[in-house]
């Protein structure tokens, strides 16, 4: 249930709504807008409440029910677009940010070469996996803490903020110590304990769409992060599993405008995992920008032929440089820039 306060409602009037909700056993989340405050009344039994309980309170303008499964991620709760702040950068504004780097951190030399290359090409954020969730237990699993330390060194030397994946609740505090953005991978989209733990850090978080998840399930998962008071959340479309086997995953370009219509959260796109092959990455990346993506996350490796993880879908620095040039033209065509 959403309670919209009148413009200029006094703090004690807002508090009156909050206290009334809590007295009935419900949780509350506030959206403090520049002109109005919106109070979300959260709980499994809100459907049994009469809207009159809150409509009669001082300072209340309207009371409505959110019928969608997701609440805090919805436009009903927050009409204005969320803008995620990362070290002076903004995800969700007019600029399309590009996050790029190797799938996995393999060595200092490999990471630094990739970091300088993507920065020179115009990337704003460095990506790199320290903990790697792999289908096979015999595949390279990442360097762990050493990988995080190398990412921190790269940030210091190259000057790019870093995004890296956190896989387990026990690793949240460790990864948050090093990373500027915490990435929640597709396999963990509905790992609710992990979502709650990341939400409590109040750090910028990117939530990837699950392998076979609907947009509704994805946005409902985002509510777990938001319900912990973390308003620095954005999404990432990375393709879903379908019957199609000519690509690694089927990139759902339609999810981008659907999310922008129904949610205030920014949305990124991962063309690398969707494509599964470096030759297909540029076309998917350009389609994502044209569809309205606020950011891209792209795998770039100094020498993909010897990569320990996902070499086939990784761009070389020269390929990435050419792609960035094309992306600037696409962004300009839709009234944005990179």
Protein backbone atom coordinates (compact mmCIF):
# COMPACT_ATOMS: atom_id res chain seq x y z
CA UNK A 1 0.00 0.00 0.00
CA UNK A 2 1.28 3.46 -0.94
CA UNK A 3 0.46 6.58 1.08
CA UNK A 4 1.24 9.79 -0.77
CA UNK A 5 1.59 12.80 1.49
CA UNK A 6 0.45 16.27 0.52
CA UNK A 7 3.05 18.69 -0.80
CA UNK A 8 4.73 20.32 2.18
CA UNK A 9 3.42 17.79 4.70
CA UNK A 10 4.97 18.36 8.11
CA UNK A 11 7.46 15.80 9.51
CA UNK A 12 5.10 14.97 12.37
CA UNK A 13 2.35 14.18 9.84
CA UNK A 14 4.66 11.77 8.02
CA UNK A 15 5.64 10.26 11.35
CA UNK A 16 1.97 9.83 12.20
CA UNK A 17 1.51 7.60 9.16
CA UNK A 18 4.68 5.66 9.96
CA UNK A 19 3.69 5.07 13.57
CA UNK A 20 0.17 4.04 12.60
CA UNK A 21 1.54 1.44 10.18
CA UNK A 22 4.01 0.10 12.72
CA UNK A 23 1.29 -0.15 15.37
CA UNK A 24 -0.56 -2.49 13.00
CA UNK A 25 2.53 -4.67 12.61
CA UNK A 26 3.66 -3.49 9.18
CA UNK A 27 7.04 -2.40 7.90
CA UNK A 28 7.54 1.02 6.36
CA UNK A 29 9.76 2.43 3.63
CA UNK A 30 9.97 6.15 2.85
CA UNK A 31 10.59 7.84 -0.48
CA UNK A 32 11.56 11.41 0.40
CA UNK A 33 10.94 13.29 -2.85
CA UNK A 34 11.85 16.89 -3.49
CA UNK A 35 8.20 17.92 -3.24
CA UNK A 36 6.32 15.00 -1.73
CA UNK A 37 6.95 12.10 0.59
CA UNK A 38 5.62 8.64 -0.24
CA UNK A 39 5.21 6.04 2.49
CA UNK A 40 5.16 2.38 1.48
CA UNK A 41 3.26 0.14 3.90
CA UNK A 42 4.79 -3.33 3.56
CA UNK A 43 3.53 -6.68 4.76
CA UNK A 44 1.73 -9.81 3.65
CA UNK A 45 -1.66 -8.68 5.02
CA UNK A 46 -1.89 -5.16 3.62
CA UNK A 47 -4.59 -6.38 1.23
CA UNK A 48 -6.89 -6.79 4.21
CA UNK A 49 -6.45 -3.19 5.32
CA UNK A 50 -8.95 -0.49 4.45
CA UNK A 51 -7.32 2.48 2.78
CA UNK A 52 -9.38 4.69 5.08
CA UNK A 53 -7.11 3.79 7.99
CA UNK A 54 -4.45 6.04 6.48
CA UNK A 55 -6.58 8.33 4.32
CA UNK A 56 -8.03 10.04 7.41
CA UNK A 57 -4.63 10.91 8.88
CA UNK A 58 -3.39 14.52 8.73
CA UNK A 59 -1.22 15.37 5.74
CA UNK A 60 -2.30 12.40 3.62
CA UNK A 61 -3.26 13.15 0.02
CA UNK A 62 -3.95 9.72 -1.51
CA UNK A 63 -3.77 6.06 -0.55
CA UNK A 64 -3.47 3.32 -3.17
CA UNK A 65 -2.60 -0.33 -3.40
CA UNK A 66 0.29 -1.61 -5.51
CA UNK A 67 -1.07 -4.70 -7.21
CA UNK A 68 2.26 -5.80 -8.69
CA UNK A 69 4.34 -8.34 -6.71
CA UNK A 70 7.21 -5.85 -6.60
CA UNK A 71 6.60 -2.74 -4.50
CA UNK A 72 9.71 -0.66 -3.79
CA UNK A 73 11.08 -1.13 -7.31
CA UNK A 74 7.83 0.10 -8.86
CA UNK A 75 7.01 3.44 -10.44
CA UNK A 76 4.06 3.69 -8.05
CA UNK A 77 6.45 3.96 -5.13
CA UNK A 78 8.87 6.29 -6.88
CA UNK A 79 7.96 8.07 -10.10
CA UNK A 80 11.35 9.74 -10.59
CA UNK A 81 14.23 7.76 -12.06
CA UNK A 82 16.77 6.57 -9.51
CA UNK A 83 20.32 7.66 -10.17
CA UNK A 84 23.03 5.51 -8.64
CA UNK A 85 26.12 7.43 -7.49
CA UNK A 86 29.52 5.75 -7.87
CA UNK A 87 32.64 7.77 -7.08
CA UNK A 88 31.39 10.90 -8.83
CA UNK A 89 29.74 8.95 -11.68
CA UNK A 90 26.01 8.59 -12.18
CA UNK A 91 24.20 5.50 -13.47
CA UNK A 92 20.75 6.41 -14.72
CA UNK A 93 21.47 9.87 -16.07
CA UNK A 94 21.84 11.02 -19.66
CA UNK A 95 25.27 9.45 -19.95
CA UNK A 96 25.52 5.74 -20.75
CA UNK A 97 28.32 4.38 -18.58
CA UNK A 98 30.49 1.53 -19.82
CA UNK A 99 31.98 -0.98 -17.38
CA UNK A 100 34.70 -3.11 -18.95
CA UNK A 101 37.53 -5.45 -18.09
CA UNK A 102 38.37 -9.15 -17.86
CA UNK A 103 35.88 -11.78 -16.79
CA UNK A 104 38.34 -12.96 -14.13
CA UNK A 105 41.36 -11.36 -12.49
CA UNK A 106 44.23 -13.66 -13.41
CA UNK A 107 47.36 -11.66 -12.57
CA UNK A 108 48.46 -8.10 -11.89
CA UNK A 109 49.95 -7.80 -15.37
CA UNK A 110 46.78 -8.99 -17.09
CA UNK A 111 44.52 -6.76 -15.00
CA UNK A 112 46.62 -3.61 -15.36
CA UNK A 113 46.94 -4.04 -19.11
CA UNK A 114 43.19 -4.46 -19.42
CA UNK A 115 42.46 -1.55 -17.07
CA UNK A 116 44.61 0.94 -18.96
CA UNK A 117 43.20 -0.26 -22.29
CA UNK A 118 39.54 0.12 -21.34
CA UNK A 119 40.16 3.50 -19.73
CA UNK A 120 41.92 4.79 -22.83
CA UNK A 121 38.99 3.60 -24.95
CA UNK A 122 36.51 5.49 -22.76
CA UNK A 123 35.24 3.03 -20.14
CA UNK A 124 34.26 4.60 -16.82
CA UNK A 125 34.33 1.57 -14.50
CA UNK A 126 36.62 -1.46 -14.33
CA UNK A 127 35.05 -4.90 -14.09
CA UNK A 128 36.88 -8.00 -12.94
CA UNK A 129 35.94 -11.18 -11.11
CA UNK A 130 37.77 -12.16 -7.94
CA UNK A 131 35.30 -14.92 -7.04
CA UNK A 132 34.06 -16.80 -10.10
CA UNK A 133 30.92 -18.98 -10.03
CA UNK A 134 31.62 -21.65 -12.64
CA UNK A 135 29.45 -24.46 -13.93
CA UNK A 136 32.25 -26.96 -13.38
CA UNK A 137 34.11 -27.22 -10.05
CA UNK A 138 37.25 -27.95 -12.06
CA UNK A 139 37.19 -24.59 -13.87
CA UNK A 140 39.16 -21.58 -12.66
CA UNK A 141 37.35 -20.22 -9.59
CA UNK A 142 39.12 -16.88 -9.28
CA UNK A 143 41.89 -15.56 -7.02
CA UNK A 144 39.60 -14.59 -4.13
CA UNK A 145 41.07 -12.04 -1.74
CA UNK A 146 44.19 -11.68 -3.87
CA UNK A 147 41.97 -10.73 -6.79
CA UNK A 148 40.24 -8.08 -4.71
CA UNK A 149 43.59 -6.64 -3.68
CA UNK A 150 44.68 -6.48 -7.32
CA UNK A 151 41.45 -4.70 -8.25
CA UNK A 152 42.08 -2.16 -5.51
CA UNK A 153 45.60 -1.60 -6.85
CA UNK A 154 44.21 -1.10 -10.34
CA UNK A 155 41.74 1.47 -9.04
CA UNK A 156 44.56 3.33 -7.32
CA UNK A 157 46.87 3.31 -10.34
CA UNK A 158 44.39 3.66 -13.20
CA UNK A 159 41.72 5.73 -11.49
CA UNK A 160 38.64 3.68 -12.37
CA UNK A 161 36.05 2.55 -9.80
CA UNK A 162 35.60 -1.23 -9.70
CA UNK A 163 32.68 -3.63 -9.90
CA UNK A 164 33.07 -7.25 -8.85
CA UNK A 165 30.77 -10.11 -7.94
CA UNK A 166 29.91 -11.24 -4.44
CA UNK A 167 28.73 -14.84 -4.23
CA UNK A 168 28.17 -15.64 -0.57
CA UNK A 169 26.83 -13.92 2.53
CA UNK A 170 30.10 -14.67 4.31
CA UNK A 171 32.01 -12.70 1.66
CA UNK A 172 29.83 -9.57 1.61
CA UNK A 173 31.84 -7.55 4.12
CA UNK A 174 35.13 -8.59 2.47
CA UNK A 175 34.03 -7.66 -1.05
CA UNK A 176 32.40 -4.43 0.17
CA UNK A 177 35.77 -3.45 1.68
CA UNK A 178 37.30 -3.36 -1.81
CA UNK A 179 34.53 -2.88 -4.39
CA UNK A 180 32.72 0.30 -5.41
CA UNK A 181 29.83 -1.72 -6.84
CA UNK A 182 28.72 -5.13 -5.59
CA UNK A 183 27.54 -7.37 -8.41
CA UNK A 184 24.96 -10.07 -7.73
CA UNK A 185 25.19 -12.67 -10.47
CA UNK A 186 22.40 -14.40 -12.36
CA UNK A 187 22.75 -17.60 -10.34
CA UNK A 188 22.18 -15.65 -7.13
CA UNK A 189 19.27 -13.45 -8.22
CA UNK A 190 16.96 -15.27 -5.80
CA UNK A 191 19.54 -15.95 -3.10
CA UNK A 192 17.47 -13.92 -0.65
CA UNK A 193 19.94 -14.13 2.22
CA UNK A 194 22.62 -12.69 -0.03
CA UNK A 195 20.28 -9.96 -1.30
CA UNK A 196 19.45 -8.91 2.25
CA UNK A 197 23.12 -8.89 3.25
CA UNK A 198 24.13 -6.76 0.25
CA UNK A 199 21.18 -4.46 0.87
CA UNK A 200 22.35 -3.80 4.40
CA UNK A 201 25.72 -2.54 3.16
CA UNK A 202 23.94 0.44 1.48
CA UNK A 203 26.63 0.16 -1.23
CA UNK A 204 25.83 0.46 -4.96
CA UNK A 205 24.63 -2.94 -6.15
CA UNK A 206 23.98 -4.39 -9.61
CA UNK A 207 21.42 -7.21 -9.76
CA UNK A 208 21.66 -9.44 -12.80
CA UNK A 209 18.58 -11.15 -14.20
CA UNK A 210 18.34 -14.85 -13.38
CA UNK A 211 18.96 -17.49 -16.04
CA UNK A 212 15.24 -18.25 -16.46
CA UNK A 213 13.57 -15.44 -14.55
CA UNK A 214 10.74 -13.20 -15.65
CA UNK A 215 11.02 -9.42 -15.41
CA UNK A 216 8.48 -9.50 -12.57
CA UNK A 217 10.57 -12.01 -10.59
CA UNK A 218 13.65 -9.90 -11.24
CA UNK A 219 12.06 -6.69 -9.96
CA UNK A 220 10.63 -8.52 -6.96
CA UNK A 221 14.14 -9.74 -6.14
CA UNK A 222 15.31 -6.11 -6.30
CA UNK A 223 12.80 -5.35 -3.56
CA UNK A 224 14.93 -7.41 -1.17
CA UNK A 225 17.85 -5.03 -1.68
CA UNK A 226 15.63 -1.97 -1.46
CA UNK A 227 13.81 -3.21 1.64
CA UNK A 228 17.10 -3.05 3.56
CA UNK A 229 17.33 0.69 2.95
CA UNK A 230 19.68 0.46 -0.04
CA UNK A 231 18.51 2.97 -2.65
CA UNK A 232 21.65 2.54 -4.78
CA UNK A 233 20.45 -0.41 -6.85
CA UNK A 234 20.45 -1.01 -10.58
CA UNK A 235 19.59 -3.97 -12.75
CA UNK A 236 21.42 -5.84 -15.52
CA UNK A 237 19.86 -7.74 -18.43
CA UNK A 238 22.26 -10.52 -19.45
CA UNK A 239 20.09 -12.86 -21.46
CA UNK A 240 17.88 -15.76 -20.42
CA UNK A 241 17.91 -19.45 -21.22
CA UNK A 242 15.56 -20.45 -24.03
CA UNK A 243 15.41 -23.19 -26.66
CA UNK A 244 17.82 -21.20 -28.84
CA UNK A 245 21.36 -22.61 -28.93
CA UNK A 246 23.12 -20.36 -31.48
CA UNK A 247 23.95 -17.87 -28.73
CA UNK A 248 24.95 -18.48 -25.13
CA UNK A 249 21.73 -16.86 -23.84
CA UNK A 250 18.83 -15.12 -25.55
CA UNK A 251 19.25 -11.39 -24.99
CA UNK A 252 15.85 -9.93 -24.08
CA UNK A 253 16.21 -6.44 -25.50
CA UNK A 254 12.51 -5.87 -24.79
CA UNK A 255 13.13 -6.12 -21.06
CA UNK A 256 14.97 -2.78 -21.16
CA UNK A 257 11.98 -0.60 -22.13
CA UNK A 258 9.70 -2.77 -19.98
CA UNK A 259 11.86 -2.10 -16.91
CA UNK A 260 12.13 1.61 -17.72
CA UNK A 261 8.34 1.81 -17.96
CA UNK A 262 7.53 -0.10 -14.79
CA UNK A 263 10.48 0.64 -12.49
CA UNK A 264 12.49 3.65 -11.40
CA UNK A 265 15.69 1.59 -11.21
CA UNK A 266 18.43 2.08 -13.83
CA UNK A 267 19.14 -0.85 -16.11
CA UNK A 268 22.43 -2.06 -17.55
CA UNK A 269 23.08 -4.70 -20.20
CA UNK A 270 25.68 -7.47 -20.45
CA UNK A 271 26.13 -8.29 -24.15
CA UNK A 272 29.13 -10.54 -23.45
CA UNK A 273 27.25 -13.23 -21.53
CA UNK A 274 24.26 -13.01 -23.81
CA UNK A 275 26.37 -13.49 -26.94
CA UNK A 276 28.89 -16.05 -25.77
CA UNK A 277 31.03 -15.08 -28.78
CA UNK A 278 33.07 -11.94 -29.27
CA UNK A 279 31.79 -11.42 -32.83
CA UNK A 280 28.22 -10.98 -31.61
CA UNK A 281 28.95 -8.62 -28.70
CA UNK A 282 29.02 -5.33 -30.67
CA UNK A 283 25.58 -5.78 -32.26
CA UNK A 284 23.93 -6.67 -28.94
CA UNK A 285 25.68 -3.80 -27.15
CA UNK A 286 24.47 -1.29 -29.75
CA UNK A 287 20.92 -2.69 -29.59
CA UNK A 288 20.92 -2.30 -25.80
CA UNK A 289 21.94 1.35 -25.97
CA UNK A 290 19.32 2.03 -28.64
CA UNK A 291 16.68 0.37 -26.44
CA UNK A 292 17.51 2.62 -23.48
CA UNK A 293 20.15 0.87 -21.38
CA UNK A 294 21.78 3.16 -18.82
CA UNK A 295 25.04 1.19 -18.74
CA UNK A 296 26.91 -1.68 -20.35
CA UNK A 297 29.22 -4.25 -18.80
CA UNK A 298 31.59 -5.76 -21.36
CA UNK A 299 34.36 -8.34 -21.07
CA UNK A 300 37.74 -7.22 -22.41
CA UNK A 301 40.93 -9.28 -22.14
CA UNK A 302 44.45 -8.36 -23.36
CA UNK A 303 44.75 -11.80 -24.95
CA UNK A 304 41.45 -13.71 -25.02
CA UNK A 305 43.10 -16.79 -26.49
CA UNK A 306 44.81 -17.52 -23.17
CA UNK A 307 42.03 -16.29 -20.85
CA UNK A 308 41.26 -18.57 -17.91
CA UNK A 309 37.57 -17.68 -18.08
CA UNK A 310 35.20 -16.83 -20.97
CA UNK A 311 37.88 -16.04 -23.52
CA UNK A 312 35.53 -16.71 -26.45
CA UNK A 313 33.19 -13.88 -25.49
CA UNK A 314 35.92 -11.38 -24.56
CA UNK A 315 36.88 -8.50 -26.82
CA UNK A 316 40.48 -7.53 -27.47
CA UNK A 317 41.43 -3.95 -26.53
CA UNK A 318 41.42 -2.95 -30.22
CA UNK A 319 37.97 -4.48 -30.77
CA UNK A 320 36.69 -2.66 -27.68
CA UNK A 321 38.09 0.65 -28.91
CA UNK A 322 36.23 0.26 -32.20
CA UNK A 323 33.03 -0.68 -30.38
CA UNK A 324 33.21 2.39 -28.15
CA UNK A 325 33.37 4.59 -31.24
CA UNK A 326 30.22 2.95 -32.63
CA UNK A 327 28.45 3.15 -29.27
CA UNK A 328 29.02 6.90 -29.11
CA UNK A 329 27.20 7.29 -32.42
CA UNK A 330 24.29 5.10 -31.27
CA UNK A 331 23.98 6.95 -27.97
CA UNK A 332 23.96 10.30 -29.76
CA UNK A 333 21.19 9.07 -32.07
CA UNK A 334 18.90 8.50 -29.07
CA UNK A 335 19.78 11.76 -27.32
CA UNK A 336 22.40 10.42 -24.93
CA UNK A 337 26.17 10.27 -24.74
CA UNK A 338 28.98 7.99 -23.57
